[in-house]
Structure formats: C-alpha cells, structure tokens
Amino acid sequence: MGKVLQLFNLNKKLYLKKLPHLNLTRLLFSSNGILDEELTTDIKRKIESHWKDKVNAYPVQKDAQKYYLLSMFPYPSGNLHMGHVRVYTISDALTRFFRMNGKQVIHPIGWDAFGLPAENAAIERNVHPFEWTMNNIQTMKKQLEDFNICFDWDKELTTCDPSYYKWTQYIFLLMFEHGLAYKKQALVNWDPVDQTVLADEQVDENGCSWRSGCKVEKRLLSQWFLRTSEFSKDLYEGLNDPSLIEWRDVTKIQQHWIGEPDGFIFHLDVCCKNEVLPKALTVWTNTPELFYGATFIGISPNNHFNASEYGCGSKNEDHKLNITVKNPFTDKDIPVYVSQNLDYSSATDSCLGIPVLENATHLEFAVKHKIDVKEVFDSASNCLINSGELSGTDRQNAREKIIAKANKEGIKFYQASKKLRDWLISRQRYWGTPIPIINCPSCKSVPVNKEDLPVLLPKISDFTGKSSSLKNCDDWINVPCPKCGGPAVRETDTMDTFVDSSWYFLRYLDVKNKWSPIM
C-alpha cells in the first residue's frame, strides 16, 4: 500500500492515502488511525457520516458579497433520475466554489408540485394527486440529502401548499385589477386525451400534444388569459442585456419566438345596436400614423367577435358583422368584416383596414366591399394628407404625434410584437391553483377578496381525474357573490402550472413571509 501521511493526531484522524494505481490523492477519515486497504460499504458510510455536515459548513462574514445560485426546481414525479443528478451536481459544485471564495451563497430548492403530469400519474395508480405528490417529495428529498447537495433546505417551498399558492392567487388578482388578466372566448388547443386546453408552446410542430402525444383539436371555449403581449417590448429588449452575452444562441431563439415589437396594439370600443360593449376589440398595426385613413376592421374567422350574437357568417366567405368599432382619432364608426383574405397578426387575429396605395390588399378589399377609401399619405412629399392636425407632417413625426395624442387622450394602446399572443392559463383539470374568481349572473367575473385567500383546492375523496372534478364539488362551487350577495359559483378552471413556476425564485428569498409574496 502506498505511503500514508498523518495530518494531525486526534481520536479521529485524517489521512492522505496515495493509491498506487491512480494518480490522485483522496482525503479520507479513520476512527482508529488505521486505514484498511479495502474500503468496504460500512467504512464508506462511516466516512460519509463524518463529513456529511462538515462539508456544508462554510463560515461566511455577513458583509460578504451575496450570490444567488438558482437551479430549476423539479417536478416531484417519482425517483430522481440522471437529469436531476446532472443539474444539481453542477449547481452544488458552483455553490461550494463560491462559498469557498467567501461569498454568501443562496442555493435554494423546492417542488413544482401542481400540474398535469402529477394528476395523470395519480390517475394511473388510483391514488389522490396530493398523496402521490407528497410521497414523491419525501422520496426525492431523501435522495437529494443522500447526495449531500448543499441546498438551503430552510428555504424549501412546494407550489401545491396553500401558503405558496395563496400568493399565486394574490398575484393573479393584482393582474386582474390592472386589466392584465381577462377572460374571453377563444379558439384554443384542446387535448382530447388529457381533456384540457394547451398553450401554443405545448403543441409540437406536428400539431400534437407535448404530453399525451395525441392530435390536438381546435375548440371555442371561454378562457382566462394574461396579457403578455403588453410586455413584448420589454421581453424582447431585455434579451439584449450584456449579462446574456454568452447566451446569444438561446436569446436569438427567444427573440424570434417573441417577435420584434415593431407595431402597436390598440384597444378599440365596439358598438352593437348603439350600445358600447364591455369588451374591446384589439387590433395590431405597424402604421399608427395612418389611423385617419382606417375605414374598416378585418378579423379572422377565429376571432372571438366572429360569434352568432354579432351575425357571424360562413368562414369561407367575407362577411360584415352587425358591430362597429370607433376610430379613436376621427370619432367615426367603422365596419368590422370577417375574412380569410387579409393578413392578420397572431397577437390579435385582426387588422386595421387602411386602404391606401401602399397596401394593395386592403385597397382591393375596400373596393370589393364598397368601403370608403381615404387617401392619407402623399408619397411624393412623404407627408400626411387628410389627417387633421397631422396633415403636412412627415411620417416619422406624424407617428410620434399620434402616439403622443393617444397617450394624452387616454386611448389604450402599447407597443407590441405581431407574433406574441397573450398567455392562455386556463386548465380544465383538478390538480392546479384555483383561479380566485366568482362568476355571478349579474356582476359577471368578480374577484375574491384578498382577505379570503387562499381559495383552497377542495379535497375529493373519490378522485377520477375527470375534467369536471371541481364542477361536482357543490359545497365548494356554490358561494354568494362578493359584490351583490346573490347566488354565484366559483371559477372551476385552474391555473397552468407555469404560473406557479413563474415566480418561485422570488419567493425563495422570503419563504416564510405571511404578509407579502416577496420581501
């Protein structure tokens, strides 16, 4: 056996053992000062037990530089696999490195516990999703502890715990109050196997569900959305941050997915039978300076305004609806047409009809349907004409002025990508965060009072996994309206699990806070 170098002389001794067949040195431990040639399983366990707490103890000064090292928290889907080992050994090595260099490192861990995978696994095994999930968490936590990964277990969180999803619901209510969470009829991706709606990102290039693999159907359903399109400019430009210089291959993909925010989405009032409807029509345009020339709105057959109550017609033929939209700059009512022959933005399934010479498609459409044509741009002078106070102004200045006018007059609009849709978060499943809304026949969608959060997910003893699980919970679903006191029902859709995982990294920093989602 190679030479053994004694480091210090205590009841328990440390040794450097040189292994003759390997060119490396290992730091080992011997309780009796004698190190056997063979490291048996029993000896290995004693060595591990000795070092288990010591290797994670790094005394750090309180004024040391702070460092937050975040690894994605896992789905508690069963046992650990090699993907988990890869991710968490990397974060463990980095954490130890920075702590050994004197930094205060936060290295938290938690559990992405809601969602379809857990629910489907529970159905297959005839157990409740809560039981399945908590058993998996217990197993995976024990395995991570056996790996001795230096997580900050005092910051552990679980998204299916009411103390966490209370704040997910709170954030939803804040977005609802600011018009960033809304409900509308929409043609959505429906998974006939999992019996739920899928976001666009959950459908592959072959039109199949990312989870079940079945062919996705299109259905018109009333769904909840988060207005992510309003943040497309910030999302797009944020990817140019210098700190992401090493991630340019990834950020380019993400910017392509978001789309360049080179246009604007306007929210326009809709009138039907001389009454302004409570919901607006959103339209994307990259030529807001030509708004004075807008004489019609085009919507795709998939737009939620193409409904029987507004006189919808054949999807194969152009059709004029019995609604009009108010042009906010001319104060004139303009007609709304359903057509497959116009170019629509993915963000709105609509277009602002400006029949000018530079837009031949809109001009042809207007001529065909005998819609007014108003020339508002003189290409020879590069100036606007027939555009009120903007007449005689070049296009760039006209754009700046009309945006300033929209801001001044309180017209709702924002810079946006043509591609990025709002985030559909409704899921017709049980195992998810309940949406804190009460549906009243008189008051429509009414938010639950914040003092009444969390809206607890009801316990179901006979769990079958059917999409109507929450609809069958009479004691839970039937409640008085918080606004008028009349009979009402709770929202039975739950939130997409990605809503839970969109903010967990913030909660880690103040996981025991009972008064706010983050410090």
Protein backbone atom coordinates (compact mmCIF):
# COMPACT_ATOMS: atom_id res chain seq x y z
CA MET A 1 0.00 0.00 0.00
CA GLY A 2 1.25 3.49 -0.73
CA LYS A 3 2.62 5.78 1.93
CA VAL A 4 0.07 7.18 4.39
CA LEU A 5 0.69 10.75 5.55
CA GLN A 6 -0.75 11.54 9.01
CA LEU A 7 -2.12 15.09 9.09
CA PHE A 8 -2.92 15.52 12.75
CA ASN A 9 -3.21 13.35 15.83
CA LEU A 10 -6.68 13.17 17.39
CA ASN A 11 -9.03 10.42 18.48
CA LYS A 12 -10.36 10.65 14.96
CA LYS A 13 -7.63 11.13 12.37
CA LEU A 14 -7.44 12.37 8.82
CA TYR A 15 -5.19 10.82 6.23
CA LEU A 16 -3.98 11.40 2.73
CA LYS A 17 -3.84 8.00 1.10
CA LYS A 18 -1.83 7.60 -2.10
CA LEU A 19 -3.39 4.99 -4.32
CA PRO A 20 -0.71 3.20 -6.39
CA HIS A 21 -2.96 2.51 -9.37
CA LEU A 22 -4.35 6.05 -9.65
CA ASN A 23 -2.62 9.37 -9.98
CA LEU A 24 -4.73 11.18 -7.40
CA THR A 25 -4.93 11.93 -3.71
CA ARG A 26 -8.02 11.33 -1.58
CA LEU A 27 -8.82 12.88 1.77
CA LEU A 28 -10.21 10.12 3.98
CA PHE A 29 -11.15 9.53 7.60
CA SER A 30 -10.25 6.74 10.03
CA SER A 31 -11.72 6.38 13.50
CA ASN A 32 -8.87 4.24 14.84
CA GLY A 33 -5.90 5.67 13.00
CA ILE A 34 -5.59 2.61 10.79
CA LEU A 35 -6.80 2.65 7.21
CA ASP A 36 -7.62 -0.67 5.61
CA GLU A 37 -6.65 -1.30 2.02
CA GLU A 38 -10.23 -2.15 1.10
CA LEU A 39 -12.94 0.48 1.57
CA THR A 40 -15.97 -1.59 2.49
CA THR A 41 -19.51 -0.26 2.28
CA ASP A 42 -19.58 0.05 6.06
CA ILE A 43 -16.38 2.13 6.08
CA LYS A 44 -17.68 4.32 3.25
CA ARG A 45 -20.84 5.02 5.23
CA LYS A 46 -18.81 5.99 8.29
CA ILE A 47 -16.66 8.31 6.16
CA GLU A 48 -19.79 9.84 4.65
CA SER A 49 -21.41 10.26 8.06
CA HIS A 50 -18.33 12.02 9.40
CA TRP A 51 -18.15 14.52 6.55
CA LYS A 52 -21.88 14.95 5.86
CA ASP A 53 -22.41 18.11 7.90
CA LYS A 54 -18.83 19.37 7.83
CA VAL A 55 -18.55 19.77 4.06
CA ASN A 56 -21.60 22.05 4.01
CA ALA A 57 -20.36 24.30 6.82
CA TYR A 58 -18.80 27.45 5.38
CA PRO A 59 -18.46 30.27 7.92
CA VAL A 60 -19.10 33.47 5.97
CA GLN A 61 -18.95 37.07 7.13
CA LYS A 62 -22.29 38.87 7.00
CA ASP A 63 -20.89 41.69 4.90
CA ALA A 64 -19.56 39.27 2.27
CA GLN A 65 -20.69 39.62 -1.33
CA LYS A 66 -24.06 37.96 -1.98
CA TYR A 67 -24.58 35.39 -4.71
CA TYR A 68 -27.88 33.75 -5.73
CA LEU A 69 -27.42 30.39 -7.43
CA LEU A 70 -30.73 29.10 -8.80
CA SER A 71 -31.31 25.68 -10.29
CA MET A 72 -34.73 24.86 -11.71
CA PHE A 73 -36.88 23.16 -9.11
CA PRO A 74 -38.07 19.64 -10.02
CA TYR A 75 -41.45 18.09 -10.71
CA PRO A 76 -41.94 15.58 -7.87
CA SER A 77 -42.74 12.84 -10.37
CA GLY A 78 -41.08 9.84 -8.71
CA ASN A 79 -37.46 8.98 -8.05
CA LEU A 80 -34.51 11.10 -9.07
CA HIS A 81 -33.06 10.35 -12.49
CA MET A 82 -29.73 11.20 -14.10
CA GLY A 83 -31.09 14.51 -15.40
CA HIS A 84 -31.60 15.64 -11.81
CA VAL A 85 -28.13 14.38 -10.87
CA ARG A 86 -26.55 16.36 -13.70
CA VAL A 87 -28.33 19.63 -12.89
CA TYR A 88 -27.93 19.55 -9.13
CA THR A 89 -24.32 18.35 -9.01
CA ILE A 90 -23.41 21.28 -11.26
CA SER A 91 -25.22 23.77 -9.01
CA ASP A 92 -23.71 22.05 -5.95
CA ALA A 93 -20.17 22.39 -7.33
CA LEU A 94 -20.74 26.07 -8.16
CA THR A 95 -22.22 26.74 -4.73
CA ARG A 96 -19.24 25.17 -2.97
CA PHE A 97 -16.82 27.06 -5.21
CA PHE A 98 -18.35 30.46 -4.48
CA ARG A 99 -18.72 29.73 -0.76
CA MET A 100 -15.07 28.66 -0.57
CA ASN A 101 -14.27 32.03 -2.16
CA GLY A 102 -16.01 33.84 0.68
CA LYS A 103 -19.37 34.68 -0.88
CA GLN A 104 -22.77 34.45 0.83
CA VAL A 105 -24.48 31.98 -1.48
CA ILE A 106 -28.21 31.29 -1.58
CA HIS A 107 -28.79 27.84 -3.10
CA PRO A 108 -32.49 27.02 -2.54
CA ILE A 109 -34.65 24.06 -3.52
CA GLY A 110 -38.40 23.47 -3.82
CA TRP A 111 -41.02 21.45 -5.65
CA ASP A 112 -43.03 22.28 -8.78
CA ALA A 113 -45.85 20.18 -7.43
CA PHE A 114 -49.02 21.10 -9.35
CA GLY A 115 -49.80 20.13 -12.91
CA LEU A 116 -50.94 17.54 -15.37
CA PRO A 117 -48.06 15.02 -15.02
CA ALA A 118 -48.78 14.50 -11.31
CA GLU A 119 -52.52 14.26 -11.92
CA ASN A 120 -52.16 11.72 -14.72
CA ALA A 121 -49.71 9.62 -12.71
CA ALA A 122 -52.12 9.62 -9.77
CA ILE A 123 -55.00 8.52 -12.02
CA GLU A 124 -52.93 5.63 -13.40
CA ARG A 125 -52.13 4.44 -9.86
CA ASN A 126 -55.61 5.08 -8.44
CA VAL A 127 -54.36 7.46 -5.74
CA HIS A 128 -55.08 11.10 -4.98
CA PRO A 129 -52.68 13.62 -6.59
CA PHE A 130 -51.85 15.09 -3.18
CA GLU A 131 -50.86 11.71 -1.77
CA TRP A 132 -48.84 10.84 -4.88
CA THR A 133 -47.08 14.20 -4.91
CA MET A 134 -46.18 14.31 -1.21
CA ASN A 135 -44.85 10.74 -1.25
CA ASN A 136 -42.66 11.64 -4.21
CA ILE A 137 -41.39 14.76 -2.47
CA GLN A 138 -40.44 12.69 0.57
CA THR A 139 -38.58 10.18 -1.63
CA MET A 140 -36.79 12.75 -3.77
CA LYS A 141 -35.82 14.87 -0.78
CA LYS A 142 -34.25 11.83 0.91
CA GLN A 143 -32.31 11.08 -2.28
CA LEU A 144 -31.06 14.66 -2.57
CA GLU A 145 -29.99 14.57 1.08
CA ASP A 146 -28.17 11.29 0.42
CA PHE A 147 -26.28 13.04 -2.38
CA ASN A 148 -25.34 15.66 0.23
CA ILE A 149 -26.05 18.50 -2.17
CA CYS A 150 -25.68 21.71 -0.20
CA PHE A 151 -29.19 23.11 -0.64
CA ASP A 152 -30.61 25.71 1.73
CA TRP A 153 -33.38 23.47 2.99
CA ASP A 154 -34.68 26.24 5.25
CA LYS A 155 -35.93 27.95 2.06
CA GLU A 156 -37.79 24.88 0.76
CA LEU A 157 -41.20 25.55 -0.83
CA THR A 158 -43.92 23.49 -2.50
CA THR A 159 -46.27 25.04 -5.06
CA CYS A 160 -49.26 22.90 -4.01
CA ASP A 161 -49.00 24.16 -0.43
CA PRO A 162 -51.69 26.78 0.36
CA SER A 163 -49.01 29.00 1.90
CA TYR A 164 -47.48 29.26 -1.58
CA TYR A 165 -50.47 29.26 -3.92
CA LYS A 166 -52.17 31.89 -1.77
CA TRP A 167 -49.64 34.30 -3.24
CA THR A 168 -50.02 32.92 -6.76
CA GLN A 169 -53.71 33.81 -6.42
CA TYR A 170 -52.79 37.21 -4.95
CA ILE A 171 -50.58 38.00 -7.95
CA PHE A 172 -53.42 36.93 -10.28
CA LEU A 173 -55.79 39.35 -8.52
CA LEU A 174 -53.30 42.20 -8.88
CA MET A 175 -53.11 41.48 -12.61
CA PHE A 176 -56.92 41.28 -12.81
CA GLU A 177 -57.22 44.69 -11.10
CA HIS A 178 -54.87 46.22 -13.68
CA GLY A 179 -56.58 44.64 -16.70
CA LEU A 180 -53.73 42.18 -17.26
CA ALA A 181 -55.82 39.09 -16.51
CA TYR A 182 -59.01 38.70 -18.52
CA LYS A 183 -61.47 36.13 -19.83
CA LYS A 184 -62.65 35.76 -23.40
CA GLN A 185 -64.00 33.28 -25.90
CA ALA A 186 -61.10 31.89 -27.87
CA LEU A 187 -60.33 29.15 -30.33
CA VAL A 188 -57.94 27.05 -28.28
CA ASN A 189 -55.81 23.93 -28.48
CA TRP A 190 -57.74 21.03 -26.94
CA ASP A 191 -56.11 17.77 -25.90
CA PRO A 192 -58.85 15.11 -26.20
CA VAL A 193 -56.86 12.60 -24.14
CA ASP A 194 -55.91 14.81 -21.20
CA GLN A 195 -59.20 16.73 -21.55
CA THR A 196 -57.63 20.15 -21.16
CA VAL A 197 -56.50 23.24 -23.04
CA LEU A 198 -52.87 23.56 -24.12
CA ALA A 199 -50.83 26.71 -24.65
CA ASP A 200 -49.28 27.15 -28.12
CA GLU A 201 -45.90 26.20 -26.64
CA GLN A 202 -47.32 22.82 -25.58
CA VAL A 203 -48.19 21.80 -29.15
CA ASP A 204 -45.36 20.44 -31.29
CA GLU A 205 -44.62 21.14 -34.95
CA ASN A 206 -46.82 18.20 -35.96
CA GLY A 207 -49.85 19.56 -34.13
CA CYS A 208 -49.59 17.00 -31.31
CA SER A 209 -49.74 17.45 -27.55
CA TRP A 210 -46.36 17.65 -25.83
CA ARG A 211 -47.68 15.41 -23.03
CA SER A 212 -50.16 12.87 -24.40
CA GLY A 213 -48.87 12.81 -27.98
CA CYS A 214 -52.38 12.87 -29.45
CA LYS A 215 -53.51 15.14 -32.27
CA VAL A 216 -54.66 18.46 -30.87
CA GLU A 217 -58.14 19.75 -31.74
CA LYS A 218 -59.40 23.33 -32.04
CA ARG A 219 -62.33 24.34 -29.81
CA LEU A 220 -64.04 27.63 -28.99
CA LEU A 221 -64.05 27.99 -25.21
CA SER A 222 -64.21 30.75 -22.62
CA GLN A 223 -60.68 31.01 -21.21
CA TRP A 224 -58.51 33.08 -18.89
CA PHE A 225 -55.51 34.93 -20.33
CA LEU A 226 -52.62 37.01 -19.02
CA ARG A 227 -51.83 39.99 -21.23
CA THR A 228 -48.21 39.10 -22.02
CA SER A 229 -48.45 40.96 -25.34
CA GLU A 230 -48.32 44.21 -23.37
CA PHE A 231 -44.79 43.32 -22.27
CA SER A 232 -43.44 42.13 -25.62
CA LYS A 233 -41.17 45.19 -25.98
CA ASP A 234 -39.64 44.71 -22.52
CA LEU A 235 -39.27 40.97 -23.07
CA TYR A 236 -37.63 41.43 -26.47
CA GLU A 237 -35.23 44.20 -25.45
CA GLY A 238 -34.42 42.56 -22.13
CA LEU A 239 -32.74 39.74 -24.04
CA ASN A 240 -30.14 42.25 -25.26
CA ASP A 241 -28.80 42.64 -21.72
CA PRO A 242 -24.96 42.49 -21.72
CA SER A 243 -25.06 39.84 -18.97
CA LEU A 244 -26.53 37.42 -21.55
CA ILE A 245 -23.63 37.74 -23.99
CA GLU A 246 -22.70 34.07 -23.52
CA TRP A 247 -26.27 33.00 -24.27
CA ARG A 248 -26.74 34.63 -27.67
CA ASP A 249 -27.72 31.35 -29.34
CA VAL A 250 -30.57 30.99 -26.84
CA THR A 251 -31.62 34.65 -26.75
CA LYS A 252 -31.85 34.76 -30.55
CA ILE A 253 -34.30 31.84 -30.47
CA GLN A 254 -36.34 33.57 -27.78
CA GLN A 255 -36.38 36.89 -29.65
CA HIS A 256 -37.56 35.10 -32.78
CA TRP A 257 -40.34 33.48 -30.76
CA ILE A 258 -41.41 36.82 -29.23
CA GLY A 259 -41.07 38.75 -32.48
CA GLU A 260 -39.76 42.25 -32.96
CA PRO A 261 -42.10 44.79 -31.29
CA ASP A 262 -42.38 46.92 -34.44
CA GLY A 263 -46.07 47.77 -34.14
CA PHE A 264 -48.79 48.75 -31.69
CA ILE A 265 -51.86 47.05 -30.26
CA PHE A 266 -54.86 49.36 -29.81
CA HIS A 267 -57.95 48.56 -27.73
CA LEU A 268 -60.96 49.93 -29.63
CA ASP A 269 -64.51 50.38 -28.36
CA VAL A 270 -67.09 48.11 -30.00
CA CYS A 271 -70.71 49.15 -30.56
CA CYS A 272 -73.68 46.86 -31.17
CA LYS A 273 -77.17 48.29 -31.63
CA ASN A 274 -75.96 51.72 -30.50
CA GLU A 275 -74.57 50.35 -27.23
CA VAL A 276 -70.88 50.18 -26.32
CA LEU A 277 -69.95 46.62 -25.43
CA PRO A 278 -67.99 45.96 -22.21
CA LYS A 279 -65.21 44.22 -24.13
CA ALA A 280 -62.92 45.98 -26.59
CA LEU A 281 -61.53 44.74 -29.88
CA THR A 282 -57.74 44.62 -30.01
CA VAL A 283 -56.04 45.39 -33.29
CA TRP A 284 -52.36 45.41 -34.25
CA THR A 285 -50.91 47.93 -36.70
CA ASN A 286 -47.40 48.96 -37.71
CA THR A 287 -48.66 52.21 -39.27
CA PRO A 288 -50.43 54.10 -36.46
CA GLU A 289 -49.63 57.40 -38.21
CA LEU A 290 -52.17 56.42 -40.91
CA PHE A 291 -55.02 55.90 -38.41
CA TYR A 292 -57.02 58.74 -40.00
CA GLY A 293 -57.29 56.55 -43.09
CA ALA A 294 -58.66 53.49 -41.26
CA THR A 295 -62.11 52.77 -42.70
CA PHE A 296 -62.68 49.13 -41.70
CA ILE A 297 -61.51 46.41 -39.32
CA GLY A 298 -60.75 42.92 -40.53
CA ILE A 299 -60.88 39.92 -38.20
CA SER A 300 -60.06 36.29 -38.85
CA PRO A 301 -62.76 33.61 -38.57
CA ASN A 302 -61.03 32.51 -35.35
CA ASN A 303 -61.53 35.87 -33.62
CA HIS A 304 -63.95 35.69 -30.67
CA PHE A 305 -66.05 38.53 -32.14
CA ASN A 306 -66.98 36.20 -35.01
CA ALA A 307 -69.93 34.91 -32.97
CA SER A 308 -73.60 34.27 -33.66
CA GLU A 309 -74.67 37.18 -31.45
CA TYR A 310 -72.85 39.53 -33.83
CA GLY A 311 -74.10 37.95 -37.04
CA CYS A 312 -71.29 35.59 -37.96
CA GLY A 313 -71.44 34.00 -41.39
CA SER A 314 -69.64 31.39 -43.43
CA LYS A 315 -65.94 31.02 -42.69
CA ASN A 316 -65.26 30.67 -46.40
CA GLU A 317 -66.78 34.00 -47.44
CA ASP A 318 -66.18 37.60 -46.45
CA HIS A 319 -68.90 38.74 -44.09
CA LYS A 320 -69.83 42.03 -42.45
CA LEU A 321 -70.76 41.78 -38.76
CA ASN A 322 -73.51 43.80 -37.09
CA ILE A 323 -70.98 45.58 -34.88
CA THR A 324 -68.89 48.68 -35.48
CA VAL A 325 -65.65 49.97 -34.00
CA LYS A 326 -65.00 53.58 -33.03
CA ASN A 327 -61.96 55.11 -34.72
CA PRO A 328 -60.50 56.93 -31.69
CA PHE A 329 -58.88 59.67 -33.81
CA THR A 330 -61.77 60.51 -36.16
CA ASP A 331 -64.59 59.52 -33.78
CA LYS A 332 -66.27 57.73 -36.69
CA ASP A 333 -67.81 54.26 -36.58
CA ILE A 334 -66.13 51.83 -38.96
CA PRO A 335 -67.45 48.41 -40.01
CA VAL A 336 -66.00 45.04 -38.98
CA TYR A 337 -65.53 42.29 -41.58
CA VAL A 338 -64.69 38.62 -41.18
CA SER A 339 -62.38 37.43 -43.92
CA GLN A 340 -59.79 34.78 -44.67
CA ASN A 341 -58.23 37.02 -47.32
CA LEU A 342 -56.49 39.55 -45.09
CA ASP A 343 -53.16 39.39 -43.29
CA TYR A 344 -53.61 39.17 -39.53
CA SER A 345 -51.23 39.39 -36.63
CA SER A 346 -51.02 36.27 -34.47
CA ALA A 347 -51.30 38.55 -31.45
CA THR A 348 -54.84 39.77 -32.22
CA ASP A 349 -56.33 37.84 -35.18
CA SER A 350 -57.33 41.24 -36.56
CA CYS A 351 -56.04 44.06 -38.73
CA LEU A 352 -56.61 47.79 -39.09
CA GLY A 353 -58.01 48.31 -42.57
CA ILE A 354 -56.19 51.26 -44.17
CA PRO A 355 -56.93 51.16 -47.91
CA VAL A 356 -54.06 53.23 -49.29
CA LEU A 357 -51.94 52.68 -52.40
CA GLU A 358 -49.07 51.15 -50.42
CA ASN A 359 -51.42 48.48 -49.05
CA ALA A 360 -52.85 46.86 -52.16
CA THR A 361 -54.62 44.07 -50.23
CA HIS A 362 -56.60 46.50 -48.09
CA LEU A 363 -57.32 48.69 -51.10
CA GLU A 364 -58.67 45.76 -53.13
CA PHE A 365 -60.77 44.62 -50.16
CA ALA A 366 -62.26 48.10 -49.72
CA VAL A 367 -63.10 48.44 -53.41
CA LYS A 368 -64.67 44.96 -53.48
CA HIS A 369 -66.94 45.69 -50.49
CA LYS A 370 -67.62 49.34 -51.39
CA ILE A 371 -65.87 50.61 -48.25
CA ASP A 372 -64.77 54.25 -48.11
CA VAL A 373 -61.23 54.88 -49.33
CA LYS A 374 -59.48 57.86 -47.79
CA GLU A 375 -56.00 58.67 -49.08
CA VAL A 376 -53.97 59.95 -46.15
CA PHE A 377 -50.40 59.79 -47.44
CA ASP A 378 -48.69 61.63 -50.28
CA SER A 379 -45.67 59.59 -51.34
CA ALA A 380 -44.22 62.46 -53.40
CA SER A 381 -43.82 64.73 -50.37
CA ASN A 382 -43.59 61.90 -47.80
CA CYS A 383 -46.20 63.78 -45.79
CA LEU A 384 -49.65 63.01 -44.46
CA ILE A 385 -52.77 64.49 -46.02
CA ASN A 386 -56.43 64.50 -44.94
CA SER A 387 -55.29 63.70 -41.39
CA GLY A 388 -56.42 66.63 -39.31
CA GLU A 389 -53.60 68.27 -37.35
CA LEU A 390 -51.15 65.71 -38.76
CA SER A 391 -51.61 66.91 -42.34
CA GLY A 392 -48.36 68.20 -43.82
CA THR A 393 -46.27 66.24 -41.30
CA ASP A 394 -43.72 63.66 -42.44
CA ARG A 395 -44.39 60.07 -41.41
CA GLN A 396 -41.88 59.80 -38.58
CA ASN A 397 -43.05 63.00 -36.91
CA ALA A 398 -46.67 62.03 -37.55
CA ARG A 399 -46.10 58.73 -35.77
CA GLU A 400 -44.63 60.49 -32.75
CA LYS A 401 -47.51 62.97 -32.67
CA ILE A 402 -50.28 60.39 -32.93
CA ILE A 403 -48.69 58.31 -30.16
CA ALA A 404 -48.49 61.45 -28.01
CA LYS A 405 -52.14 62.21 -28.82
CA ALA A 406 -53.19 58.67 -27.86
CA ASN A 407 -51.37 59.00 -24.55
CA LYS A 408 -52.90 62.40 -23.84
CA GLU A 409 -56.45 61.28 -24.60
CA GLY A 410 -56.18 58.04 -22.61
CA ILE A 411 -56.54 55.75 -25.60
CA LYS A 412 -55.40 52.29 -24.53
CA PHE A 413 -52.50 51.02 -26.63
CA TYR A 414 -48.99 49.64 -26.28
CA GLN A 415 -46.02 48.77 -28.44
CA ALA A 416 -46.13 45.09 -29.30
CA SER A 417 -44.96 42.28 -31.48
CA LYS A 418 -47.12 40.97 -34.29
CA LYS A 419 -46.41 37.40 -33.18
CA LEU A 420 -46.66 37.18 -29.39
CA ARG A 421 -50.06 36.04 -28.17
CA ASP A 422 -51.44 36.59 -24.71
CA TRP A 423 -50.79 33.70 -22.32
CA LEU A 424 -53.69 31.27 -22.02
CA ILE A 425 -53.59 30.00 -18.42
CA SER A 426 -56.93 28.16 -18.02
CA ARG A 427 -56.74 24.42 -17.44
CA GLN A 428 -59.79 22.19 -17.13
CA ARG A 429 -58.16 19.99 -14.51
CA TYR A 430 -58.27 19.46 -10.76
CA TRP A 431 -54.62 19.50 -9.67
CA GLY A 432 -53.74 23.16 -10.00
CA THR A 433 -54.07 26.55 -8.32
CA PRO A 434 -57.76 27.57 -8.21
CA ILE A 435 -58.46 30.80 -10.09
CA PRO A 436 -59.75 33.26 -7.42
CA ILE A 437 -62.79 34.47 -9.36
CA ILE A 438 -66.50 34.08 -8.62
CA ASN A 439 -68.92 34.10 -11.55
CA CYS A 440 -72.15 35.96 -10.86
CA PRO A 441 -75.11 36.14 -13.30
CA SER A 442 -75.44 39.88 -12.56
CA CYS A 443 -71.90 41.05 -11.76
CA LYS A 444 -70.04 38.70 -14.14
CA SER A 445 -66.44 37.89 -13.09
CA VAL A 446 -65.91 39.10 -9.52
CA PRO A 447 -62.53 38.78 -7.77
CA VAL A 448 -62.36 37.00 -4.43
CA ASN A 449 -61.49 39.41 -1.62
CA LYS A 450 -57.77 39.28 -0.87
CA GLU A 451 -58.54 38.74 2.82
CA ASP A 452 -60.26 35.47 1.86
CA LEU A 453 -57.19 33.99 0.18
CA PRO A 454 -56.19 31.31 -0.34
CA VAL A 455 -59.10 29.79 -2.21
CA LEU A 456 -58.34 26.24 -1.13
CA LEU A 457 -58.42 23.37 -3.56
CA PRO A 458 -61.20 21.12 -2.20
CA LYS A 459 -60.36 17.60 -1.11
CA ILE A 460 -62.00 14.98 -3.31
CA SER A 461 -62.25 11.52 -1.78
CA ASP A 462 -63.31 9.69 -4.93
CA PHE A 463 -60.82 11.12 -7.41
CA THR A 464 -61.34 10.00 -11.01
CA GLY A 465 -59.41 12.72 -12.81
CA LYS A 466 -62.35 13.78 -14.97
CA SER A 467 -62.24 17.36 -16.20
CA SER A 468 -65.44 18.14 -14.26
CA SER A 469 -63.95 17.26 -10.84
CA LEU A 470 -64.31 20.76 -9.41
CA LYS A 471 -67.71 21.30 -11.02
CA ASN A 472 -69.04 18.38 -8.96
CA CYS A 473 -67.93 19.88 -5.62
CA ASP A 474 -71.25 21.51 -4.71
CA ASP A 475 -70.18 22.70 -1.26
CA TRP A 476 -67.13 24.37 -2.77
CA ILE A 477 -68.51 25.78 -6.01
CA ASN A 478 -71.72 27.43 -4.74
CA VAL A 479 -70.97 30.71 -2.95
CA PRO A 480 -72.55 34.17 -2.60
CA CYS A 481 -71.30 36.90 -4.90
CA PRO A 482 -68.83 39.15 -3.01
CA LYS A 483 -70.32 42.17 -4.80
CA CYS A 484 -74.12 41.78 -4.72
CA GLY A 485 -74.57 38.86 -2.32
CA GLY A 486 -76.62 36.86 -4.80
CA PRO A 487 -76.06 33.20 -5.69
CA ALA A 488 -72.88 32.63 -7.68
CA VAL A 489 -70.35 29.93 -8.49
CA ARG A 490 -66.59 29.72 -8.25
CA GLU A 491 -64.39 29.55 -11.32
CA THR A 492 -63.71 25.85 -11.91
CA ASP A 493 -60.69 26.22 -14.20
CA THR A 494 -57.31 26.01 -12.51
CA MET A 495 -54.11 27.81 -13.50
CA ASP A 496 -51.46 26.42 -15.78
CA THR A 497 -48.62 25.07 -13.63
CA PHE A 498 -46.25 27.50 -15.38
CA VAL A 499 -47.98 30.32 -13.49
CA ASP A 500 -46.81 28.73 -10.22
CA SER A 501 -43.28 28.35 -11.54
CA SER A 502 -43.08 31.87 -12.99
CA TRP A 503 -42.25 33.50 -9.65
CA TYR A 504 -40.88 30.82 -7.28
CA PHE A 505 -37.34 32.22 -7.48
CA LEU A 506 -38.62 35.39 -5.78
CA ARG A 507 -40.46 33.53 -3.01
CA TYR A 508 -37.27 31.65 -2.07
CA LEU A 509 -35.85 34.92 -0.75
CA ASP A 510 -38.57 35.30 1.88
CA VAL A 511 -40.30 31.95 2.00
CA LYS A 512 -41.86 32.39 5.46
CA ASN A 513 -43.37 35.84 4.79
CA LYS A 514 -47.07 35.73 5.74
CA TRP A 515 -47.86 39.29 4.66
CA SER A 516 -46.46 39.56 1.15
CA PRO A 517 -45.40 37.21 -1.68
CA ILE A 518 -41.87 38.66 -1.61
CA MET A 519 -39.94 40.90 0.74
